[in-house]
């Protein structure tokens, strides 16, 4: 049951371009006790069909700036290869800590952005 909910929620968030993998990895590790490396690998497999569907929808709606998207996709693919290679060499505990720090930095950034937009503005 949790697997289905995780898939649907992550898919919706991915389709919106907001990184559903963060949600998926967190659910897999925290609620389903999946090993961090396995959760990240599952996320990568999950990413393939969701990104294809989101790309098709965005192409259809003419929302892709190709001059920007192509170099980012190429360099992102190189970065993904390097990141996957590095992740296989890092201890699982260290990988979990790095992921937690990543989530914390994103939370701080988003909180600050929200503060600037809604609180400081008033």
C-alpha atoms as a PDB file:
ATOM      1  CA  UNK A   1       0.000   0.000   0.000  1.00  0.00           C
ATOM      2  CA  UNK A   2       2.741   2.486   0.967  1.00  0.00           C
ATOM      3  CA  UNK A   3       4.629   1.600  -2.230  1.00  0.00           C
ATOM      4  CA  UNK A   4       1.623   2.640  -4.342  1.00  0.00           C
ATOM      5  CA  UNK A   5       1.135   5.883  -2.455  1.00  0.00           C
ATOM      6  CA  UNK A   6       4.859   6.640  -2.736  1.00  0.00           C
ATOM      7  CA  UNK A   7       4.742   6.032  -6.484  1.00  0.00           C
ATOM      8  CA  UNK A   8       1.699   8.230  -7.073  1.00  0.00           C
ATOM      9  CA  UNK A   9       2.882  11.124  -4.875  1.00  0.00           C
ATOM     10  CA  UNK A  10       6.415  10.998  -6.300  1.00  0.00           C
ATOM     11  CA  UNK A  11       5.043  10.807  -9.843  1.00  0.00           C
ATOM     12  CA  UNK A  12       2.851  13.860  -9.346  1.00  0.00           C
ATOM     13  CA  UNK A  13       5.710  15.844  -7.854  1.00  0.00           C
ATOM     14  CA  UNK A  14       8.108  14.681 -10.606  1.00  0.00           C
ATOM     15  CA  UNK A  15       5.601  15.600 -13.287  1.00  0.00           C
ATOM     16  CA  UNK A  16       5.448  19.084 -11.814  1.00  0.00           C
ATOM     17  CA  UNK A  17       9.244  19.317 -12.106  1.00  0.00           C
ATOM     18  CA  UNK A  18       9.943  19.493  -8.391  1.00  0.00           C
ATOM     19  CA  UNK A  19      12.021  16.386  -7.724  1.00  0.00           C
ATOM     20  CA  UNK A  20       9.726  13.564  -6.725  1.00  0.00           C
ATOM     21  CA  UNK A  21      12.786  11.418  -6.108  1.00  0.00           C
ATOM     22  CA  UNK A  22      13.454  13.251  -2.874  1.00  0.00           C
ATOM     23  CA  UNK A  23      10.039  12.174  -1.619  1.00  0.00           C
ATOM     24  CA  UNK A  24      10.460   8.643  -2.978  1.00  0.00           C
ATOM     25  CA  UNK A  25      13.880   8.093  -1.398  1.00  0.00           C
ATOM     26  CA  UNK A  26      12.671   9.463   1.931  1.00  0.00           C
ATOM     27  CA  UNK A  27       9.616   7.177   1.942  1.00  0.00           C
ATOM     28  CA  UNK A  28      11.650   4.125   0.920  1.00  0.00           C
ATOM     29  CA  UNK A  29      14.337   4.687   3.557  1.00  0.00           C
ATOM     30  CA  UNK A  30      12.236   5.985   6.464  1.00  0.00           C
ATOM     31  CA  UNK A  31       8.983   4.070   6.111  1.00  0.00           C
ATOM     32  CA  UNK A  32       9.919   0.928   4.195  1.00  0.00           C
ATOM     33  CA  UNK A  33      13.407   0.404   5.704  1.00  0.00           C
ATOM     34  CA  UNK A  34      15.056   0.132   2.292  1.00  0.00           C
ATOM     35  CA  UNK A  35      18.844   0.519   2.164  1.00  0.00           C
ATOM     36  CA  UNK A  36      19.901   4.026   1.046  1.00  0.00           C
ATOM     37  CA  UNK A  37      21.785   2.778  -2.031  1.00  0.00           C
ATOM     38  CA  UNK A  38      18.860   0.586  -3.068  1.00  0.00           C
ATOM     39  CA  UNK A  39      16.423   3.488  -2.566  1.00  0.00           C
ATOM     40  CA  UNK A  40      18.560   5.741  -4.757  1.00  0.00           C
ATOM     41  CA  UNK A  41      18.779   3.046  -7.428  1.00  0.00           C
ATOM     42  CA  UNK A  42      14.995   2.543  -7.343  1.00  0.00           C
ATOM     43  CA  UNK A  43      14.603   6.303  -7.671  1.00  0.00           C
ATOM     44  CA  UNK A  44      16.752   6.299 -10.808  1.00  0.00           C
ATOM     45  CA  UNK A  45      14.665   3.540 -12.388  1.00  0.00           C
ATOM     46  CA  UNK A  46      11.505   5.431 -11.353  1.00  0.00           C
ATOM     47  CA  UNK A  47      12.893   8.591 -12.941  1.00  0.00           C
ATOM     48  CA  UNK A  48      13.144   7.155 -16.465  1.00  0.00           C
ATOM     49  CA  UNK A  49       9.429   6.679 -17.266  1.00  0.00           C
ATOM     50  CA  UNK A  50       8.295   9.722 -15.273  1.00  0.00           C
ATOM     51  CA  UNK A  51      10.770  12.002 -17.020  1.00  0.00           C
ATOM     52  CA  UNK A  52       9.793  10.627 -20.439  1.00  0.00           C
ATOM     53  CA  UNK A  53       6.115  11.329 -19.776  1.00  0.00           C
ATOM     54  CA  UNK A  54       6.827  14.809 -18.365  1.00  0.00           C
ATOM     55  CA  UNK A  55       9.097  15.595 -21.337  1.00  0.00           C
ATOM     56  CA  UNK A  56       6.431  14.545 -23.841  1.00  0.00           C
ATOM     57  CA  UNK A  57       3.825  16.737 -22.133  1.00  0.00           C
ATOM     58  CA  UNK A  58       6.223  19.705 -22.017  1.00  0.00           C
ATOM     59  CA  UNK A  59       7.220  19.273 -25.674  1.00  0.00           C
ATOM     60  CA  UNK A  60       3.549  19.136 -26.631  1.00  0.00           C
ATOM     61  CA  UNK A  61       2.929  22.356 -24.681  1.00  0.00           C
ATOM     62  CA  UNK A  62       6.025  23.998 -26.233  1.00  0.00           C
ATOM     63  CA  UNK A  63       7.574  24.686 -22.835  1.00  0.00           C
ATOM     64  CA  UNK A  64      11.127  23.534 -23.547  1.00  0.00           C
ATOM     65  CA  UNK A  65      13.872  25.972 -24.542  1.00  0.00           C
ATOM     66  CA  UNK A  66      16.076  23.581 -26.519  1.00  0.00           C
ATOM     67  CA  UNK A  67      19.184  25.811 -26.496  1.00  0.00           C
ATOM     68  CA  UNK A  68      19.083  25.599 -22.714  1.00  0.00           C
ATOM     69  CA  UNK A  69      17.817  22.029 -22.315  1.00  0.00           C
ATOM     70  CA  UNK A  70      20.310  20.188 -24.562  1.00  0.00           C
ATOM     71  CA  UNK A  71      23.559  21.299 -22.868  1.00  0.00           C
ATOM     72  CA  UNK A  72      22.007  20.797 -19.432  1.00  0.00           C
ATOM     73  CA  UNK A  73      20.842  17.287 -20.408  1.00  0.00           C
ATOM     74  CA  UNK A  74      24.268  16.326 -21.752  1.00  0.00           C
ATOM     75  CA  UNK A  75      26.196  17.697 -18.779  1.00  0.00           C
ATOM     76  CA  UNK A  76      23.569  16.331 -16.380  1.00  0.00           C
ATOM     77  CA  UNK A  77      24.034  12.862 -17.875  1.00  0.00           C
ATOM     78  CA  UNK A  78      27.780  13.093 -17.336  1.00  0.00           C
ATOM     79  CA  UNK A  79      27.173  14.283 -13.771  1.00  0.00           C
ATOM     80  CA  UNK A  80      24.719  11.428 -13.176  1.00  0.00           C
ATOM     81  CA  UNK A  81      27.303   8.897 -14.320  1.00  0.00           C
ATOM     82  CA  UNK A  82      29.936  10.391 -12.025  1.00  0.00           C
ATOM     83  CA  UNK A  83      27.482  10.657  -9.118  1.00  0.00           C
ATOM     84  CA  UNK A  84      26.349   7.037  -9.503  1.00  0.00           C
ATOM     85  CA  UNK A  85      29.955   5.883  -9.620  1.00  0.00           C
ATOM     86  CA  UNK A  86      30.831   7.878  -6.496  1.00  0.00           C
ATOM     87  CA  UNK A  87      27.687   6.659  -4.674  1.00  0.00           C
ATOM     88  CA  UNK A  88      28.743   3.032  -5.172  1.00  0.00           C
ATOM     89  CA  UNK A  89      32.052   3.798  -3.455  1.00  0.00           C
ATOM     90  CA  UNK A  90      30.627   5.678  -0.439  1.00  0.00           C
ATOM     91  CA  UNK A  91      29.575   3.963   2.774  1.00  0.00           C
ATOM     92  CA  UNK A  92      25.785   3.781   3.216  1.00  0.00           C
ATOM     93  CA  UNK A  93      25.878   5.729   6.501  1.00  0.00           C
ATOM     94  CA  UNK A  94      27.827   8.549   4.858  1.00  0.00           C
ATOM     95  CA  UNK A  95      25.454   8.536   1.894  1.00  0.00           C
ATOM     96  CA  UNK A  96      22.472   8.867   4.263  1.00  0.00           C
ATOM     97  CA  UNK A  97      24.153  11.773   6.048  1.00  0.00           C
ATOM     98  CA  UNK A  98      24.886  13.490   2.734  1.00  0.00           C
ATOM     99  CA  UNK A  99      21.257  13.031   1.658  1.00  0.00           C
ATOM    100  CA  UNK A 100      20.038  14.411   5.001  1.00  0.00           C
ATOM    101  CA  UNK A 101      22.286  17.464   4.637  1.00  0.00           C
ATOM    102  CA  UNK A 102      20.974  17.960   1.098  1.00  0.00           C
ATOM    103  CA  UNK A 103      17.383  17.866   2.379  1.00  0.00           C
ATOM    104  CA  UNK A 104      18.255  20.279   5.197  1.00  0.00           C
ATOM    105  CA  UNK A 105      19.845  22.774   2.785  1.00  0.00           C
ATOM    106  CA  UNK A 106      16.796  22.594   0.503  1.00  0.00           C
ATOM    107  CA  UNK A 107      14.460  23.075   3.496  1.00  0.00           C
ATOM    108  CA  UNK A 108      16.422  26.118   4.666  1.00  0.00           C
ATOM    109  CA  UNK A 109      16.465  27.608   1.172  1.00  0.00           C
ATOM    110  CA  UNK A 110      12.733  27.034   0.674  1.00  0.00           C
ATOM    111  CA  UNK A 111      11.919  28.430   4.121  1.00  0.00           C
ATOM    112  CA  UNK A 112      13.974  31.540   3.415  1.00  0.00           C
ATOM    113  CA  UNK A 113      12.321  31.957  -0.002  1.00  0.00           C
ATOM    114  CA  UNK A 114       8.893  31.625   1.608  1.00  0.00           C
ATOM    115  CA  UNK A 115       9.871  34.136   4.288  1.00  0.00           C
ATOM    116  CA  UNK A 116      11.084  36.656   1.695  1.00  0.00           C
ATOM    117  CA  UNK A 117       7.970  36.268  -0.408  1.00  0.00           C
ATOM    118  CA  UNK A 118       5.260  36.268   2.260  1.00  0.00           C
ATOM    119  CA  UNK A 119       6.580  37.583   5.571  1.00  0.00           C
ATOM    120  CA  UNK A 120       9.196  40.186   4.691  1.00  0.00           C
ATOM    121  CA  UNK A 121       6.941  41.540   1.943  1.00  0.00           C
ATOM    122  CA  UNK A 122       4.183  42.363   4.438  1.00  0.00           C
END
